[in-house]
Amino acid sequence: MSFDMRRLTRLALVAGAAMSIAACASHPKPEPAPAPAPQPPPAQTPYTPPPAPVAEQPTGPIPGSVQDFVINAGDRVYFDTDKFDIRADADPILAQQAAWLSRYPQVKVRVEGNADERGTREYNFALGSRRANSIRDYLVAHGVAAGRIETVSYGKERPVDPGTGEDAWQHNRNGHTTITDGAR
């Protein structure tokens, strides 16, 4: 029995050693996940040019409108004291008015003659009338049909500048062309 005991002891020692080794052994590191397979490049799409820039909307006045007339032709010219003849600085404005009115033949206008506060009411009405007719005659001479133009004199009754003195008087000695019909 001693042989069997020894054998058993040896077997127990070997088994214990094996268990000890197994208990101390570390677990193997996990294998890294395989790298994903490379993706094929995306399919080439045909070249598409960038979209055309959006055309900017005009920011100015509507062609043929009252605002267009005021901005692009001008609606007021000035006169010297006690005068009704067209001044040199008024010529380009009236030429632009005539050209604008030729472009828009449906438009009708009223030319308003004005005067400064000096002089009698009757004198200023007569002077305003002569100023309005001078502008009317200029426009007619430059191709605008006379039937499209009416005139009126406000004399000193409708001042642009309510002040007194040379600056105010200069502003108030004017002929004002205003659209009465046919504008957009």
Protein backbone atom coordinates (compact mmCIF):
# COMPACT_ATOMS: atom_id res chain seq x y z
CA MET A 1 0.00 0.00 0.00
CA SER A 2 2.69 2.21 0.41
CA PHE A 3 3.22 2.05 -3.28
CA ASP A 4 -0.32 3.06 -3.86
CA MET A 5 -0.11 5.75 -1.34
CA ARG A 6 2.89 7.17 -2.85
CA ARG A 7 1.34 7.00 -6.17
CA LEU A 8 -1.68 8.70 -4.87
CA THR A 9 0.31 11.37 -3.16
CA ARG A 10 2.25 11.95 -6.32
CA LEU A 11 -0.88 12.09 -8.31
CA ALA A 12 -2.39 14.55 -5.82
CA LEU A 13 0.73 16.70 -5.94
CA VAL A 14 0.77 16.70 -9.73
CA ALA A 15 -2.91 17.53 -9.83
CA GLY A 16 -2.46 20.31 -7.26
CA ALA A 17 0.48 21.71 -9.18
CA ALA A 18 -1.52 21.60 -12.38
CA MET A 19 -4.38 23.40 -10.71
CA SER A 20 -2.03 26.00 -9.26
CA ILE A 21 -0.51 26.65 -12.64
CA ALA A 22 -3.91 26.86 -14.20
CA ALA A 23 -5.12 29.30 -11.55
CA CYS A 24 -2.10 31.59 -11.95
CA ALA A 25 -2.14 31.60 -15.65
CA SER A 26 -3.48 34.80 -17.19
CA HIS A 27 -6.20 34.76 -19.69
CA PRO A 28 -4.98 35.30 -23.20
CA LYS A 29 -5.53 38.76 -24.63
CA PRO A 30 -8.40 38.87 -27.04
CA GLU A 31 -7.47 39.03 -30.64
CA PRO A 32 -8.03 42.49 -32.14
CA ALA A 33 -11.07 42.71 -34.35
CA PRO A 34 -10.10 42.41 -37.92
CA ALA A 35 -9.82 45.76 -39.71
CA PRO A 36 -12.87 46.49 -41.83
CA ALA A 37 -12.38 45.68 -45.41
CA PRO A 38 -11.52 48.81 -47.40
CA GLN A 39 -14.59 50.32 -49.01
CA PRO A 40 -14.42 50.89 -52.71
CA PRO A 41 -14.32 54.59 -53.64
CA PRO A 42 -17.75 56.09 -54.23
CA ALA A 43 -18.98 55.89 -57.73
CA GLN A 44 -17.92 58.92 -59.74
CA THR A 45 -20.83 61.16 -60.61
CA PRO A 46 -20.64 63.33 -63.68
CA TYR A 47 -19.50 66.93 -63.11
CA THR A 48 -22.35 69.25 -62.35
CA PRO A 49 -21.46 72.92 -62.59
CA PRO A 50 -22.47 75.09 -59.67
CA PRO A 51 -25.85 76.78 -60.04
CA ALA A 52 -25.85 80.01 -61.95
CA PRO A 53 -25.94 83.07 -59.73
CA VAL A 54 -29.41 84.40 -59.19
CA ALA A 55 -29.96 87.57 -61.13
CA GLU A 56 -30.27 90.48 -58.77
CA GLN A 57 -33.60 92.18 -58.79
CA PRO A 58 -33.43 95.80 -59.84
CA THR A 59 -33.42 98.03 -56.82
CA GLY A 60 -34.28 101.27 -58.56
CA PRO A 61 -37.70 102.70 -59.29
CA ILE A 62 -40.17 100.93 -61.54
CA PRO A 63 -39.68 102.19 -65.11
CA GLY A 64 -42.47 104.57 -66.08
CA SER A 65 -43.42 105.34 -62.48
CA VAL A 66 -43.65 108.74 -60.80
CA GLN A 67 -40.55 107.86 -58.79
CA ASP A 68 -38.70 106.97 -62.00
CA PHE A 69 -39.60 110.37 -63.46
CA VAL A 70 -38.46 112.27 -60.36
CA ILE A 71 -35.18 110.34 -60.00
CA ASN A 72 -34.18 109.93 -63.63
CA ALA A 73 -35.57 113.06 -65.26
CA GLY A 74 -36.01 115.56 -62.44
CA ASP A 75 -39.24 117.31 -61.66
CA ARG A 76 -38.26 120.88 -60.77
CA VAL A 77 -36.37 123.74 -62.42
CA TYR A 78 -35.61 127.18 -60.99
CA PHE A 79 -35.96 130.72 -62.27
CA ASP A 80 -34.24 134.02 -61.60
CA THR A 81 -36.05 136.84 -59.80
CA ASP A 82 -38.90 138.29 -61.89
CA LYS A 83 -37.89 136.05 -64.86
CA PHE A 84 -39.65 133.28 -66.71
CA ASP A 85 -37.02 132.36 -69.32
CA ILE A 86 -35.37 128.93 -69.04
CA ARG A 87 -31.97 129.13 -67.33
CA ALA A 88 -28.95 127.22 -68.61
CA ASP A 89 -28.96 124.92 -65.57
CA ALA A 90 -32.61 124.01 -66.27
CA ASP A 91 -31.97 122.95 -69.88
CA PRO A 92 -30.54 119.46 -69.08
CA ILE A 93 -33.39 118.71 -66.66
CA LEU A 94 -36.05 119.73 -69.16
CA ALA A 95 -34.28 117.74 -71.91
CA GLN A 96 -34.41 114.68 -69.64
CA GLN A 97 -38.09 115.32 -68.93
CA ALA A 98 -38.83 115.51 -72.67
CA ALA A 99 -36.89 112.28 -73.33
CA TRP A 100 -38.64 110.49 -70.47
CA LEU A 101 -42.06 111.67 -71.63
CA SER A 102 -41.25 110.52 -75.17
CA ARG A 103 -40.45 107.04 -73.79
CA TYR A 104 -43.80 106.91 -71.97
CA PRO A 105 -46.34 108.49 -74.35
CA GLN A 106 -49.32 107.51 -72.17
CA VAL A 107 -48.16 109.80 -69.35
CA LYS A 108 -49.77 113.22 -68.86
CA VAL A 109 -48.25 115.99 -66.77
CA ARG A 110 -49.13 119.26 -65.09
CA VAL A 111 -46.54 122.04 -64.99
CA GLU A 112 -46.94 124.18 -61.89
CA GLY A 113 -45.48 127.69 -61.92
CA ASN A 114 -44.42 129.13 -58.57
CA ALA A 115 -43.04 132.41 -57.28
CA ASP A 116 -41.42 133.68 -54.10
CA GLU A 117 -43.32 135.72 -51.50
CA ARG A 118 -42.30 139.14 -52.79
CA GLY A 119 -44.71 141.04 -55.01
CA THR A 120 -48.45 141.15 -55.09
CA ARG A 121 -50.62 138.09 -55.30
CA GLU A 122 -51.78 139.00 -58.82
CA TYR A 123 -48.23 139.69 -60.04
CA ASN A 124 -47.00 136.32 -58.71
CA PHE A 125 -49.91 134.41 -60.26
CA ALA A 126 -49.08 135.98 -63.65
CA LEU A 127 -45.34 135.26 -63.21
CA GLY A 128 -46.07 131.65 -62.18
CA SER A 129 -48.23 131.21 -65.26
CA ARG A 130 -45.49 132.52 -67.56
CA ARG A 131 -42.98 130.15 -65.91
CA ALA A 132 -45.29 127.14 -66.35
CA ASN A 133 -45.89 128.07 -70.01
CA SER A 134 -42.13 128.44 -70.63
CA ILE A 135 -41.61 124.88 -69.45
CA ARG A 136 -44.59 123.66 -71.49
CA ASP A 137 -43.25 125.38 -74.62
CA TYR A 138 -39.82 123.78 -74.06
CA LEU A 139 -41.31 120.28 -73.74
CA VAL A 140 -43.51 120.76 -76.82
CA ALA A 141 -40.51 122.04 -78.82
CA HIS A 142 -38.70 118.81 -77.80
CA GLY A 143 -41.39 116.45 -79.07
CA VAL A 144 -43.94 116.13 -76.28
CA ALA A 145 -47.52 116.46 -77.52
CA ALA A 146 -49.13 119.67 -76.22
CA GLY A 147 -52.31 117.78 -75.31
CA ARG A 148 -50.38 115.83 -72.67
CA ILE A 149 -49.37 118.96 -70.76
CA GLU A 150 -51.57 121.21 -68.66
CA THR A 151 -50.30 124.26 -66.79
CA VAL A 152 -51.28 125.97 -63.58
CA SER A 153 -49.93 128.89 -61.58
CA TYR A 154 -49.78 128.79 -57.82
CA GLY A 155 -47.99 132.14 -57.59
CA LYS A 156 -46.71 132.49 -54.05
CA GLU A 157 -49.50 130.33 -52.56
CA ARG A 158 -47.58 127.02 -52.35
CA PRO A 159 -44.02 127.75 -51.26
CA VAL A 160 -41.53 124.88 -51.21
CA ASP A 161 -39.57 126.68 -48.50
CA PRO A 162 -41.65 128.55 -45.92
CA GLY A 163 -38.67 130.64 -44.83
CA THR A 164 -37.90 134.26 -45.62
CA GLY A 165 -34.73 135.43 -47.28
CA GLU A 166 -32.75 134.78 -50.43
CA ASP A 167 -32.30 131.01 -49.89
CA ALA A 168 -36.04 130.48 -49.40
CA TRP A 169 -36.89 132.76 -52.32
CA GLN A 170 -34.55 130.82 -54.63
CA HIS A 171 -36.29 127.55 -53.77
CA ASN A 172 -39.73 129.06 -54.30
CA ARG A 173 -39.02 130.50 -57.78
CA ASN A 174 -39.60 127.24 -59.62
CA GLY A 175 -41.54 125.27 -62.15
CA HIS A 176 -42.62 121.84 -60.96
CA THR A 177 -43.59 119.10 -63.42
CA THR A 178 -45.87 116.53 -61.85
CA ILE A 179 -47.39 113.41 -63.40
CA THR A 180 -51.17 113.42 -63.44
CA ASP A 181 -52.03 110.27 -65.41
CA GLY A 182 -50.58 107.20 -67.13
CA ALA A 183 -47.68 106.38 -64.83
CA ARG A 184 -47.15 102.87 -63.55
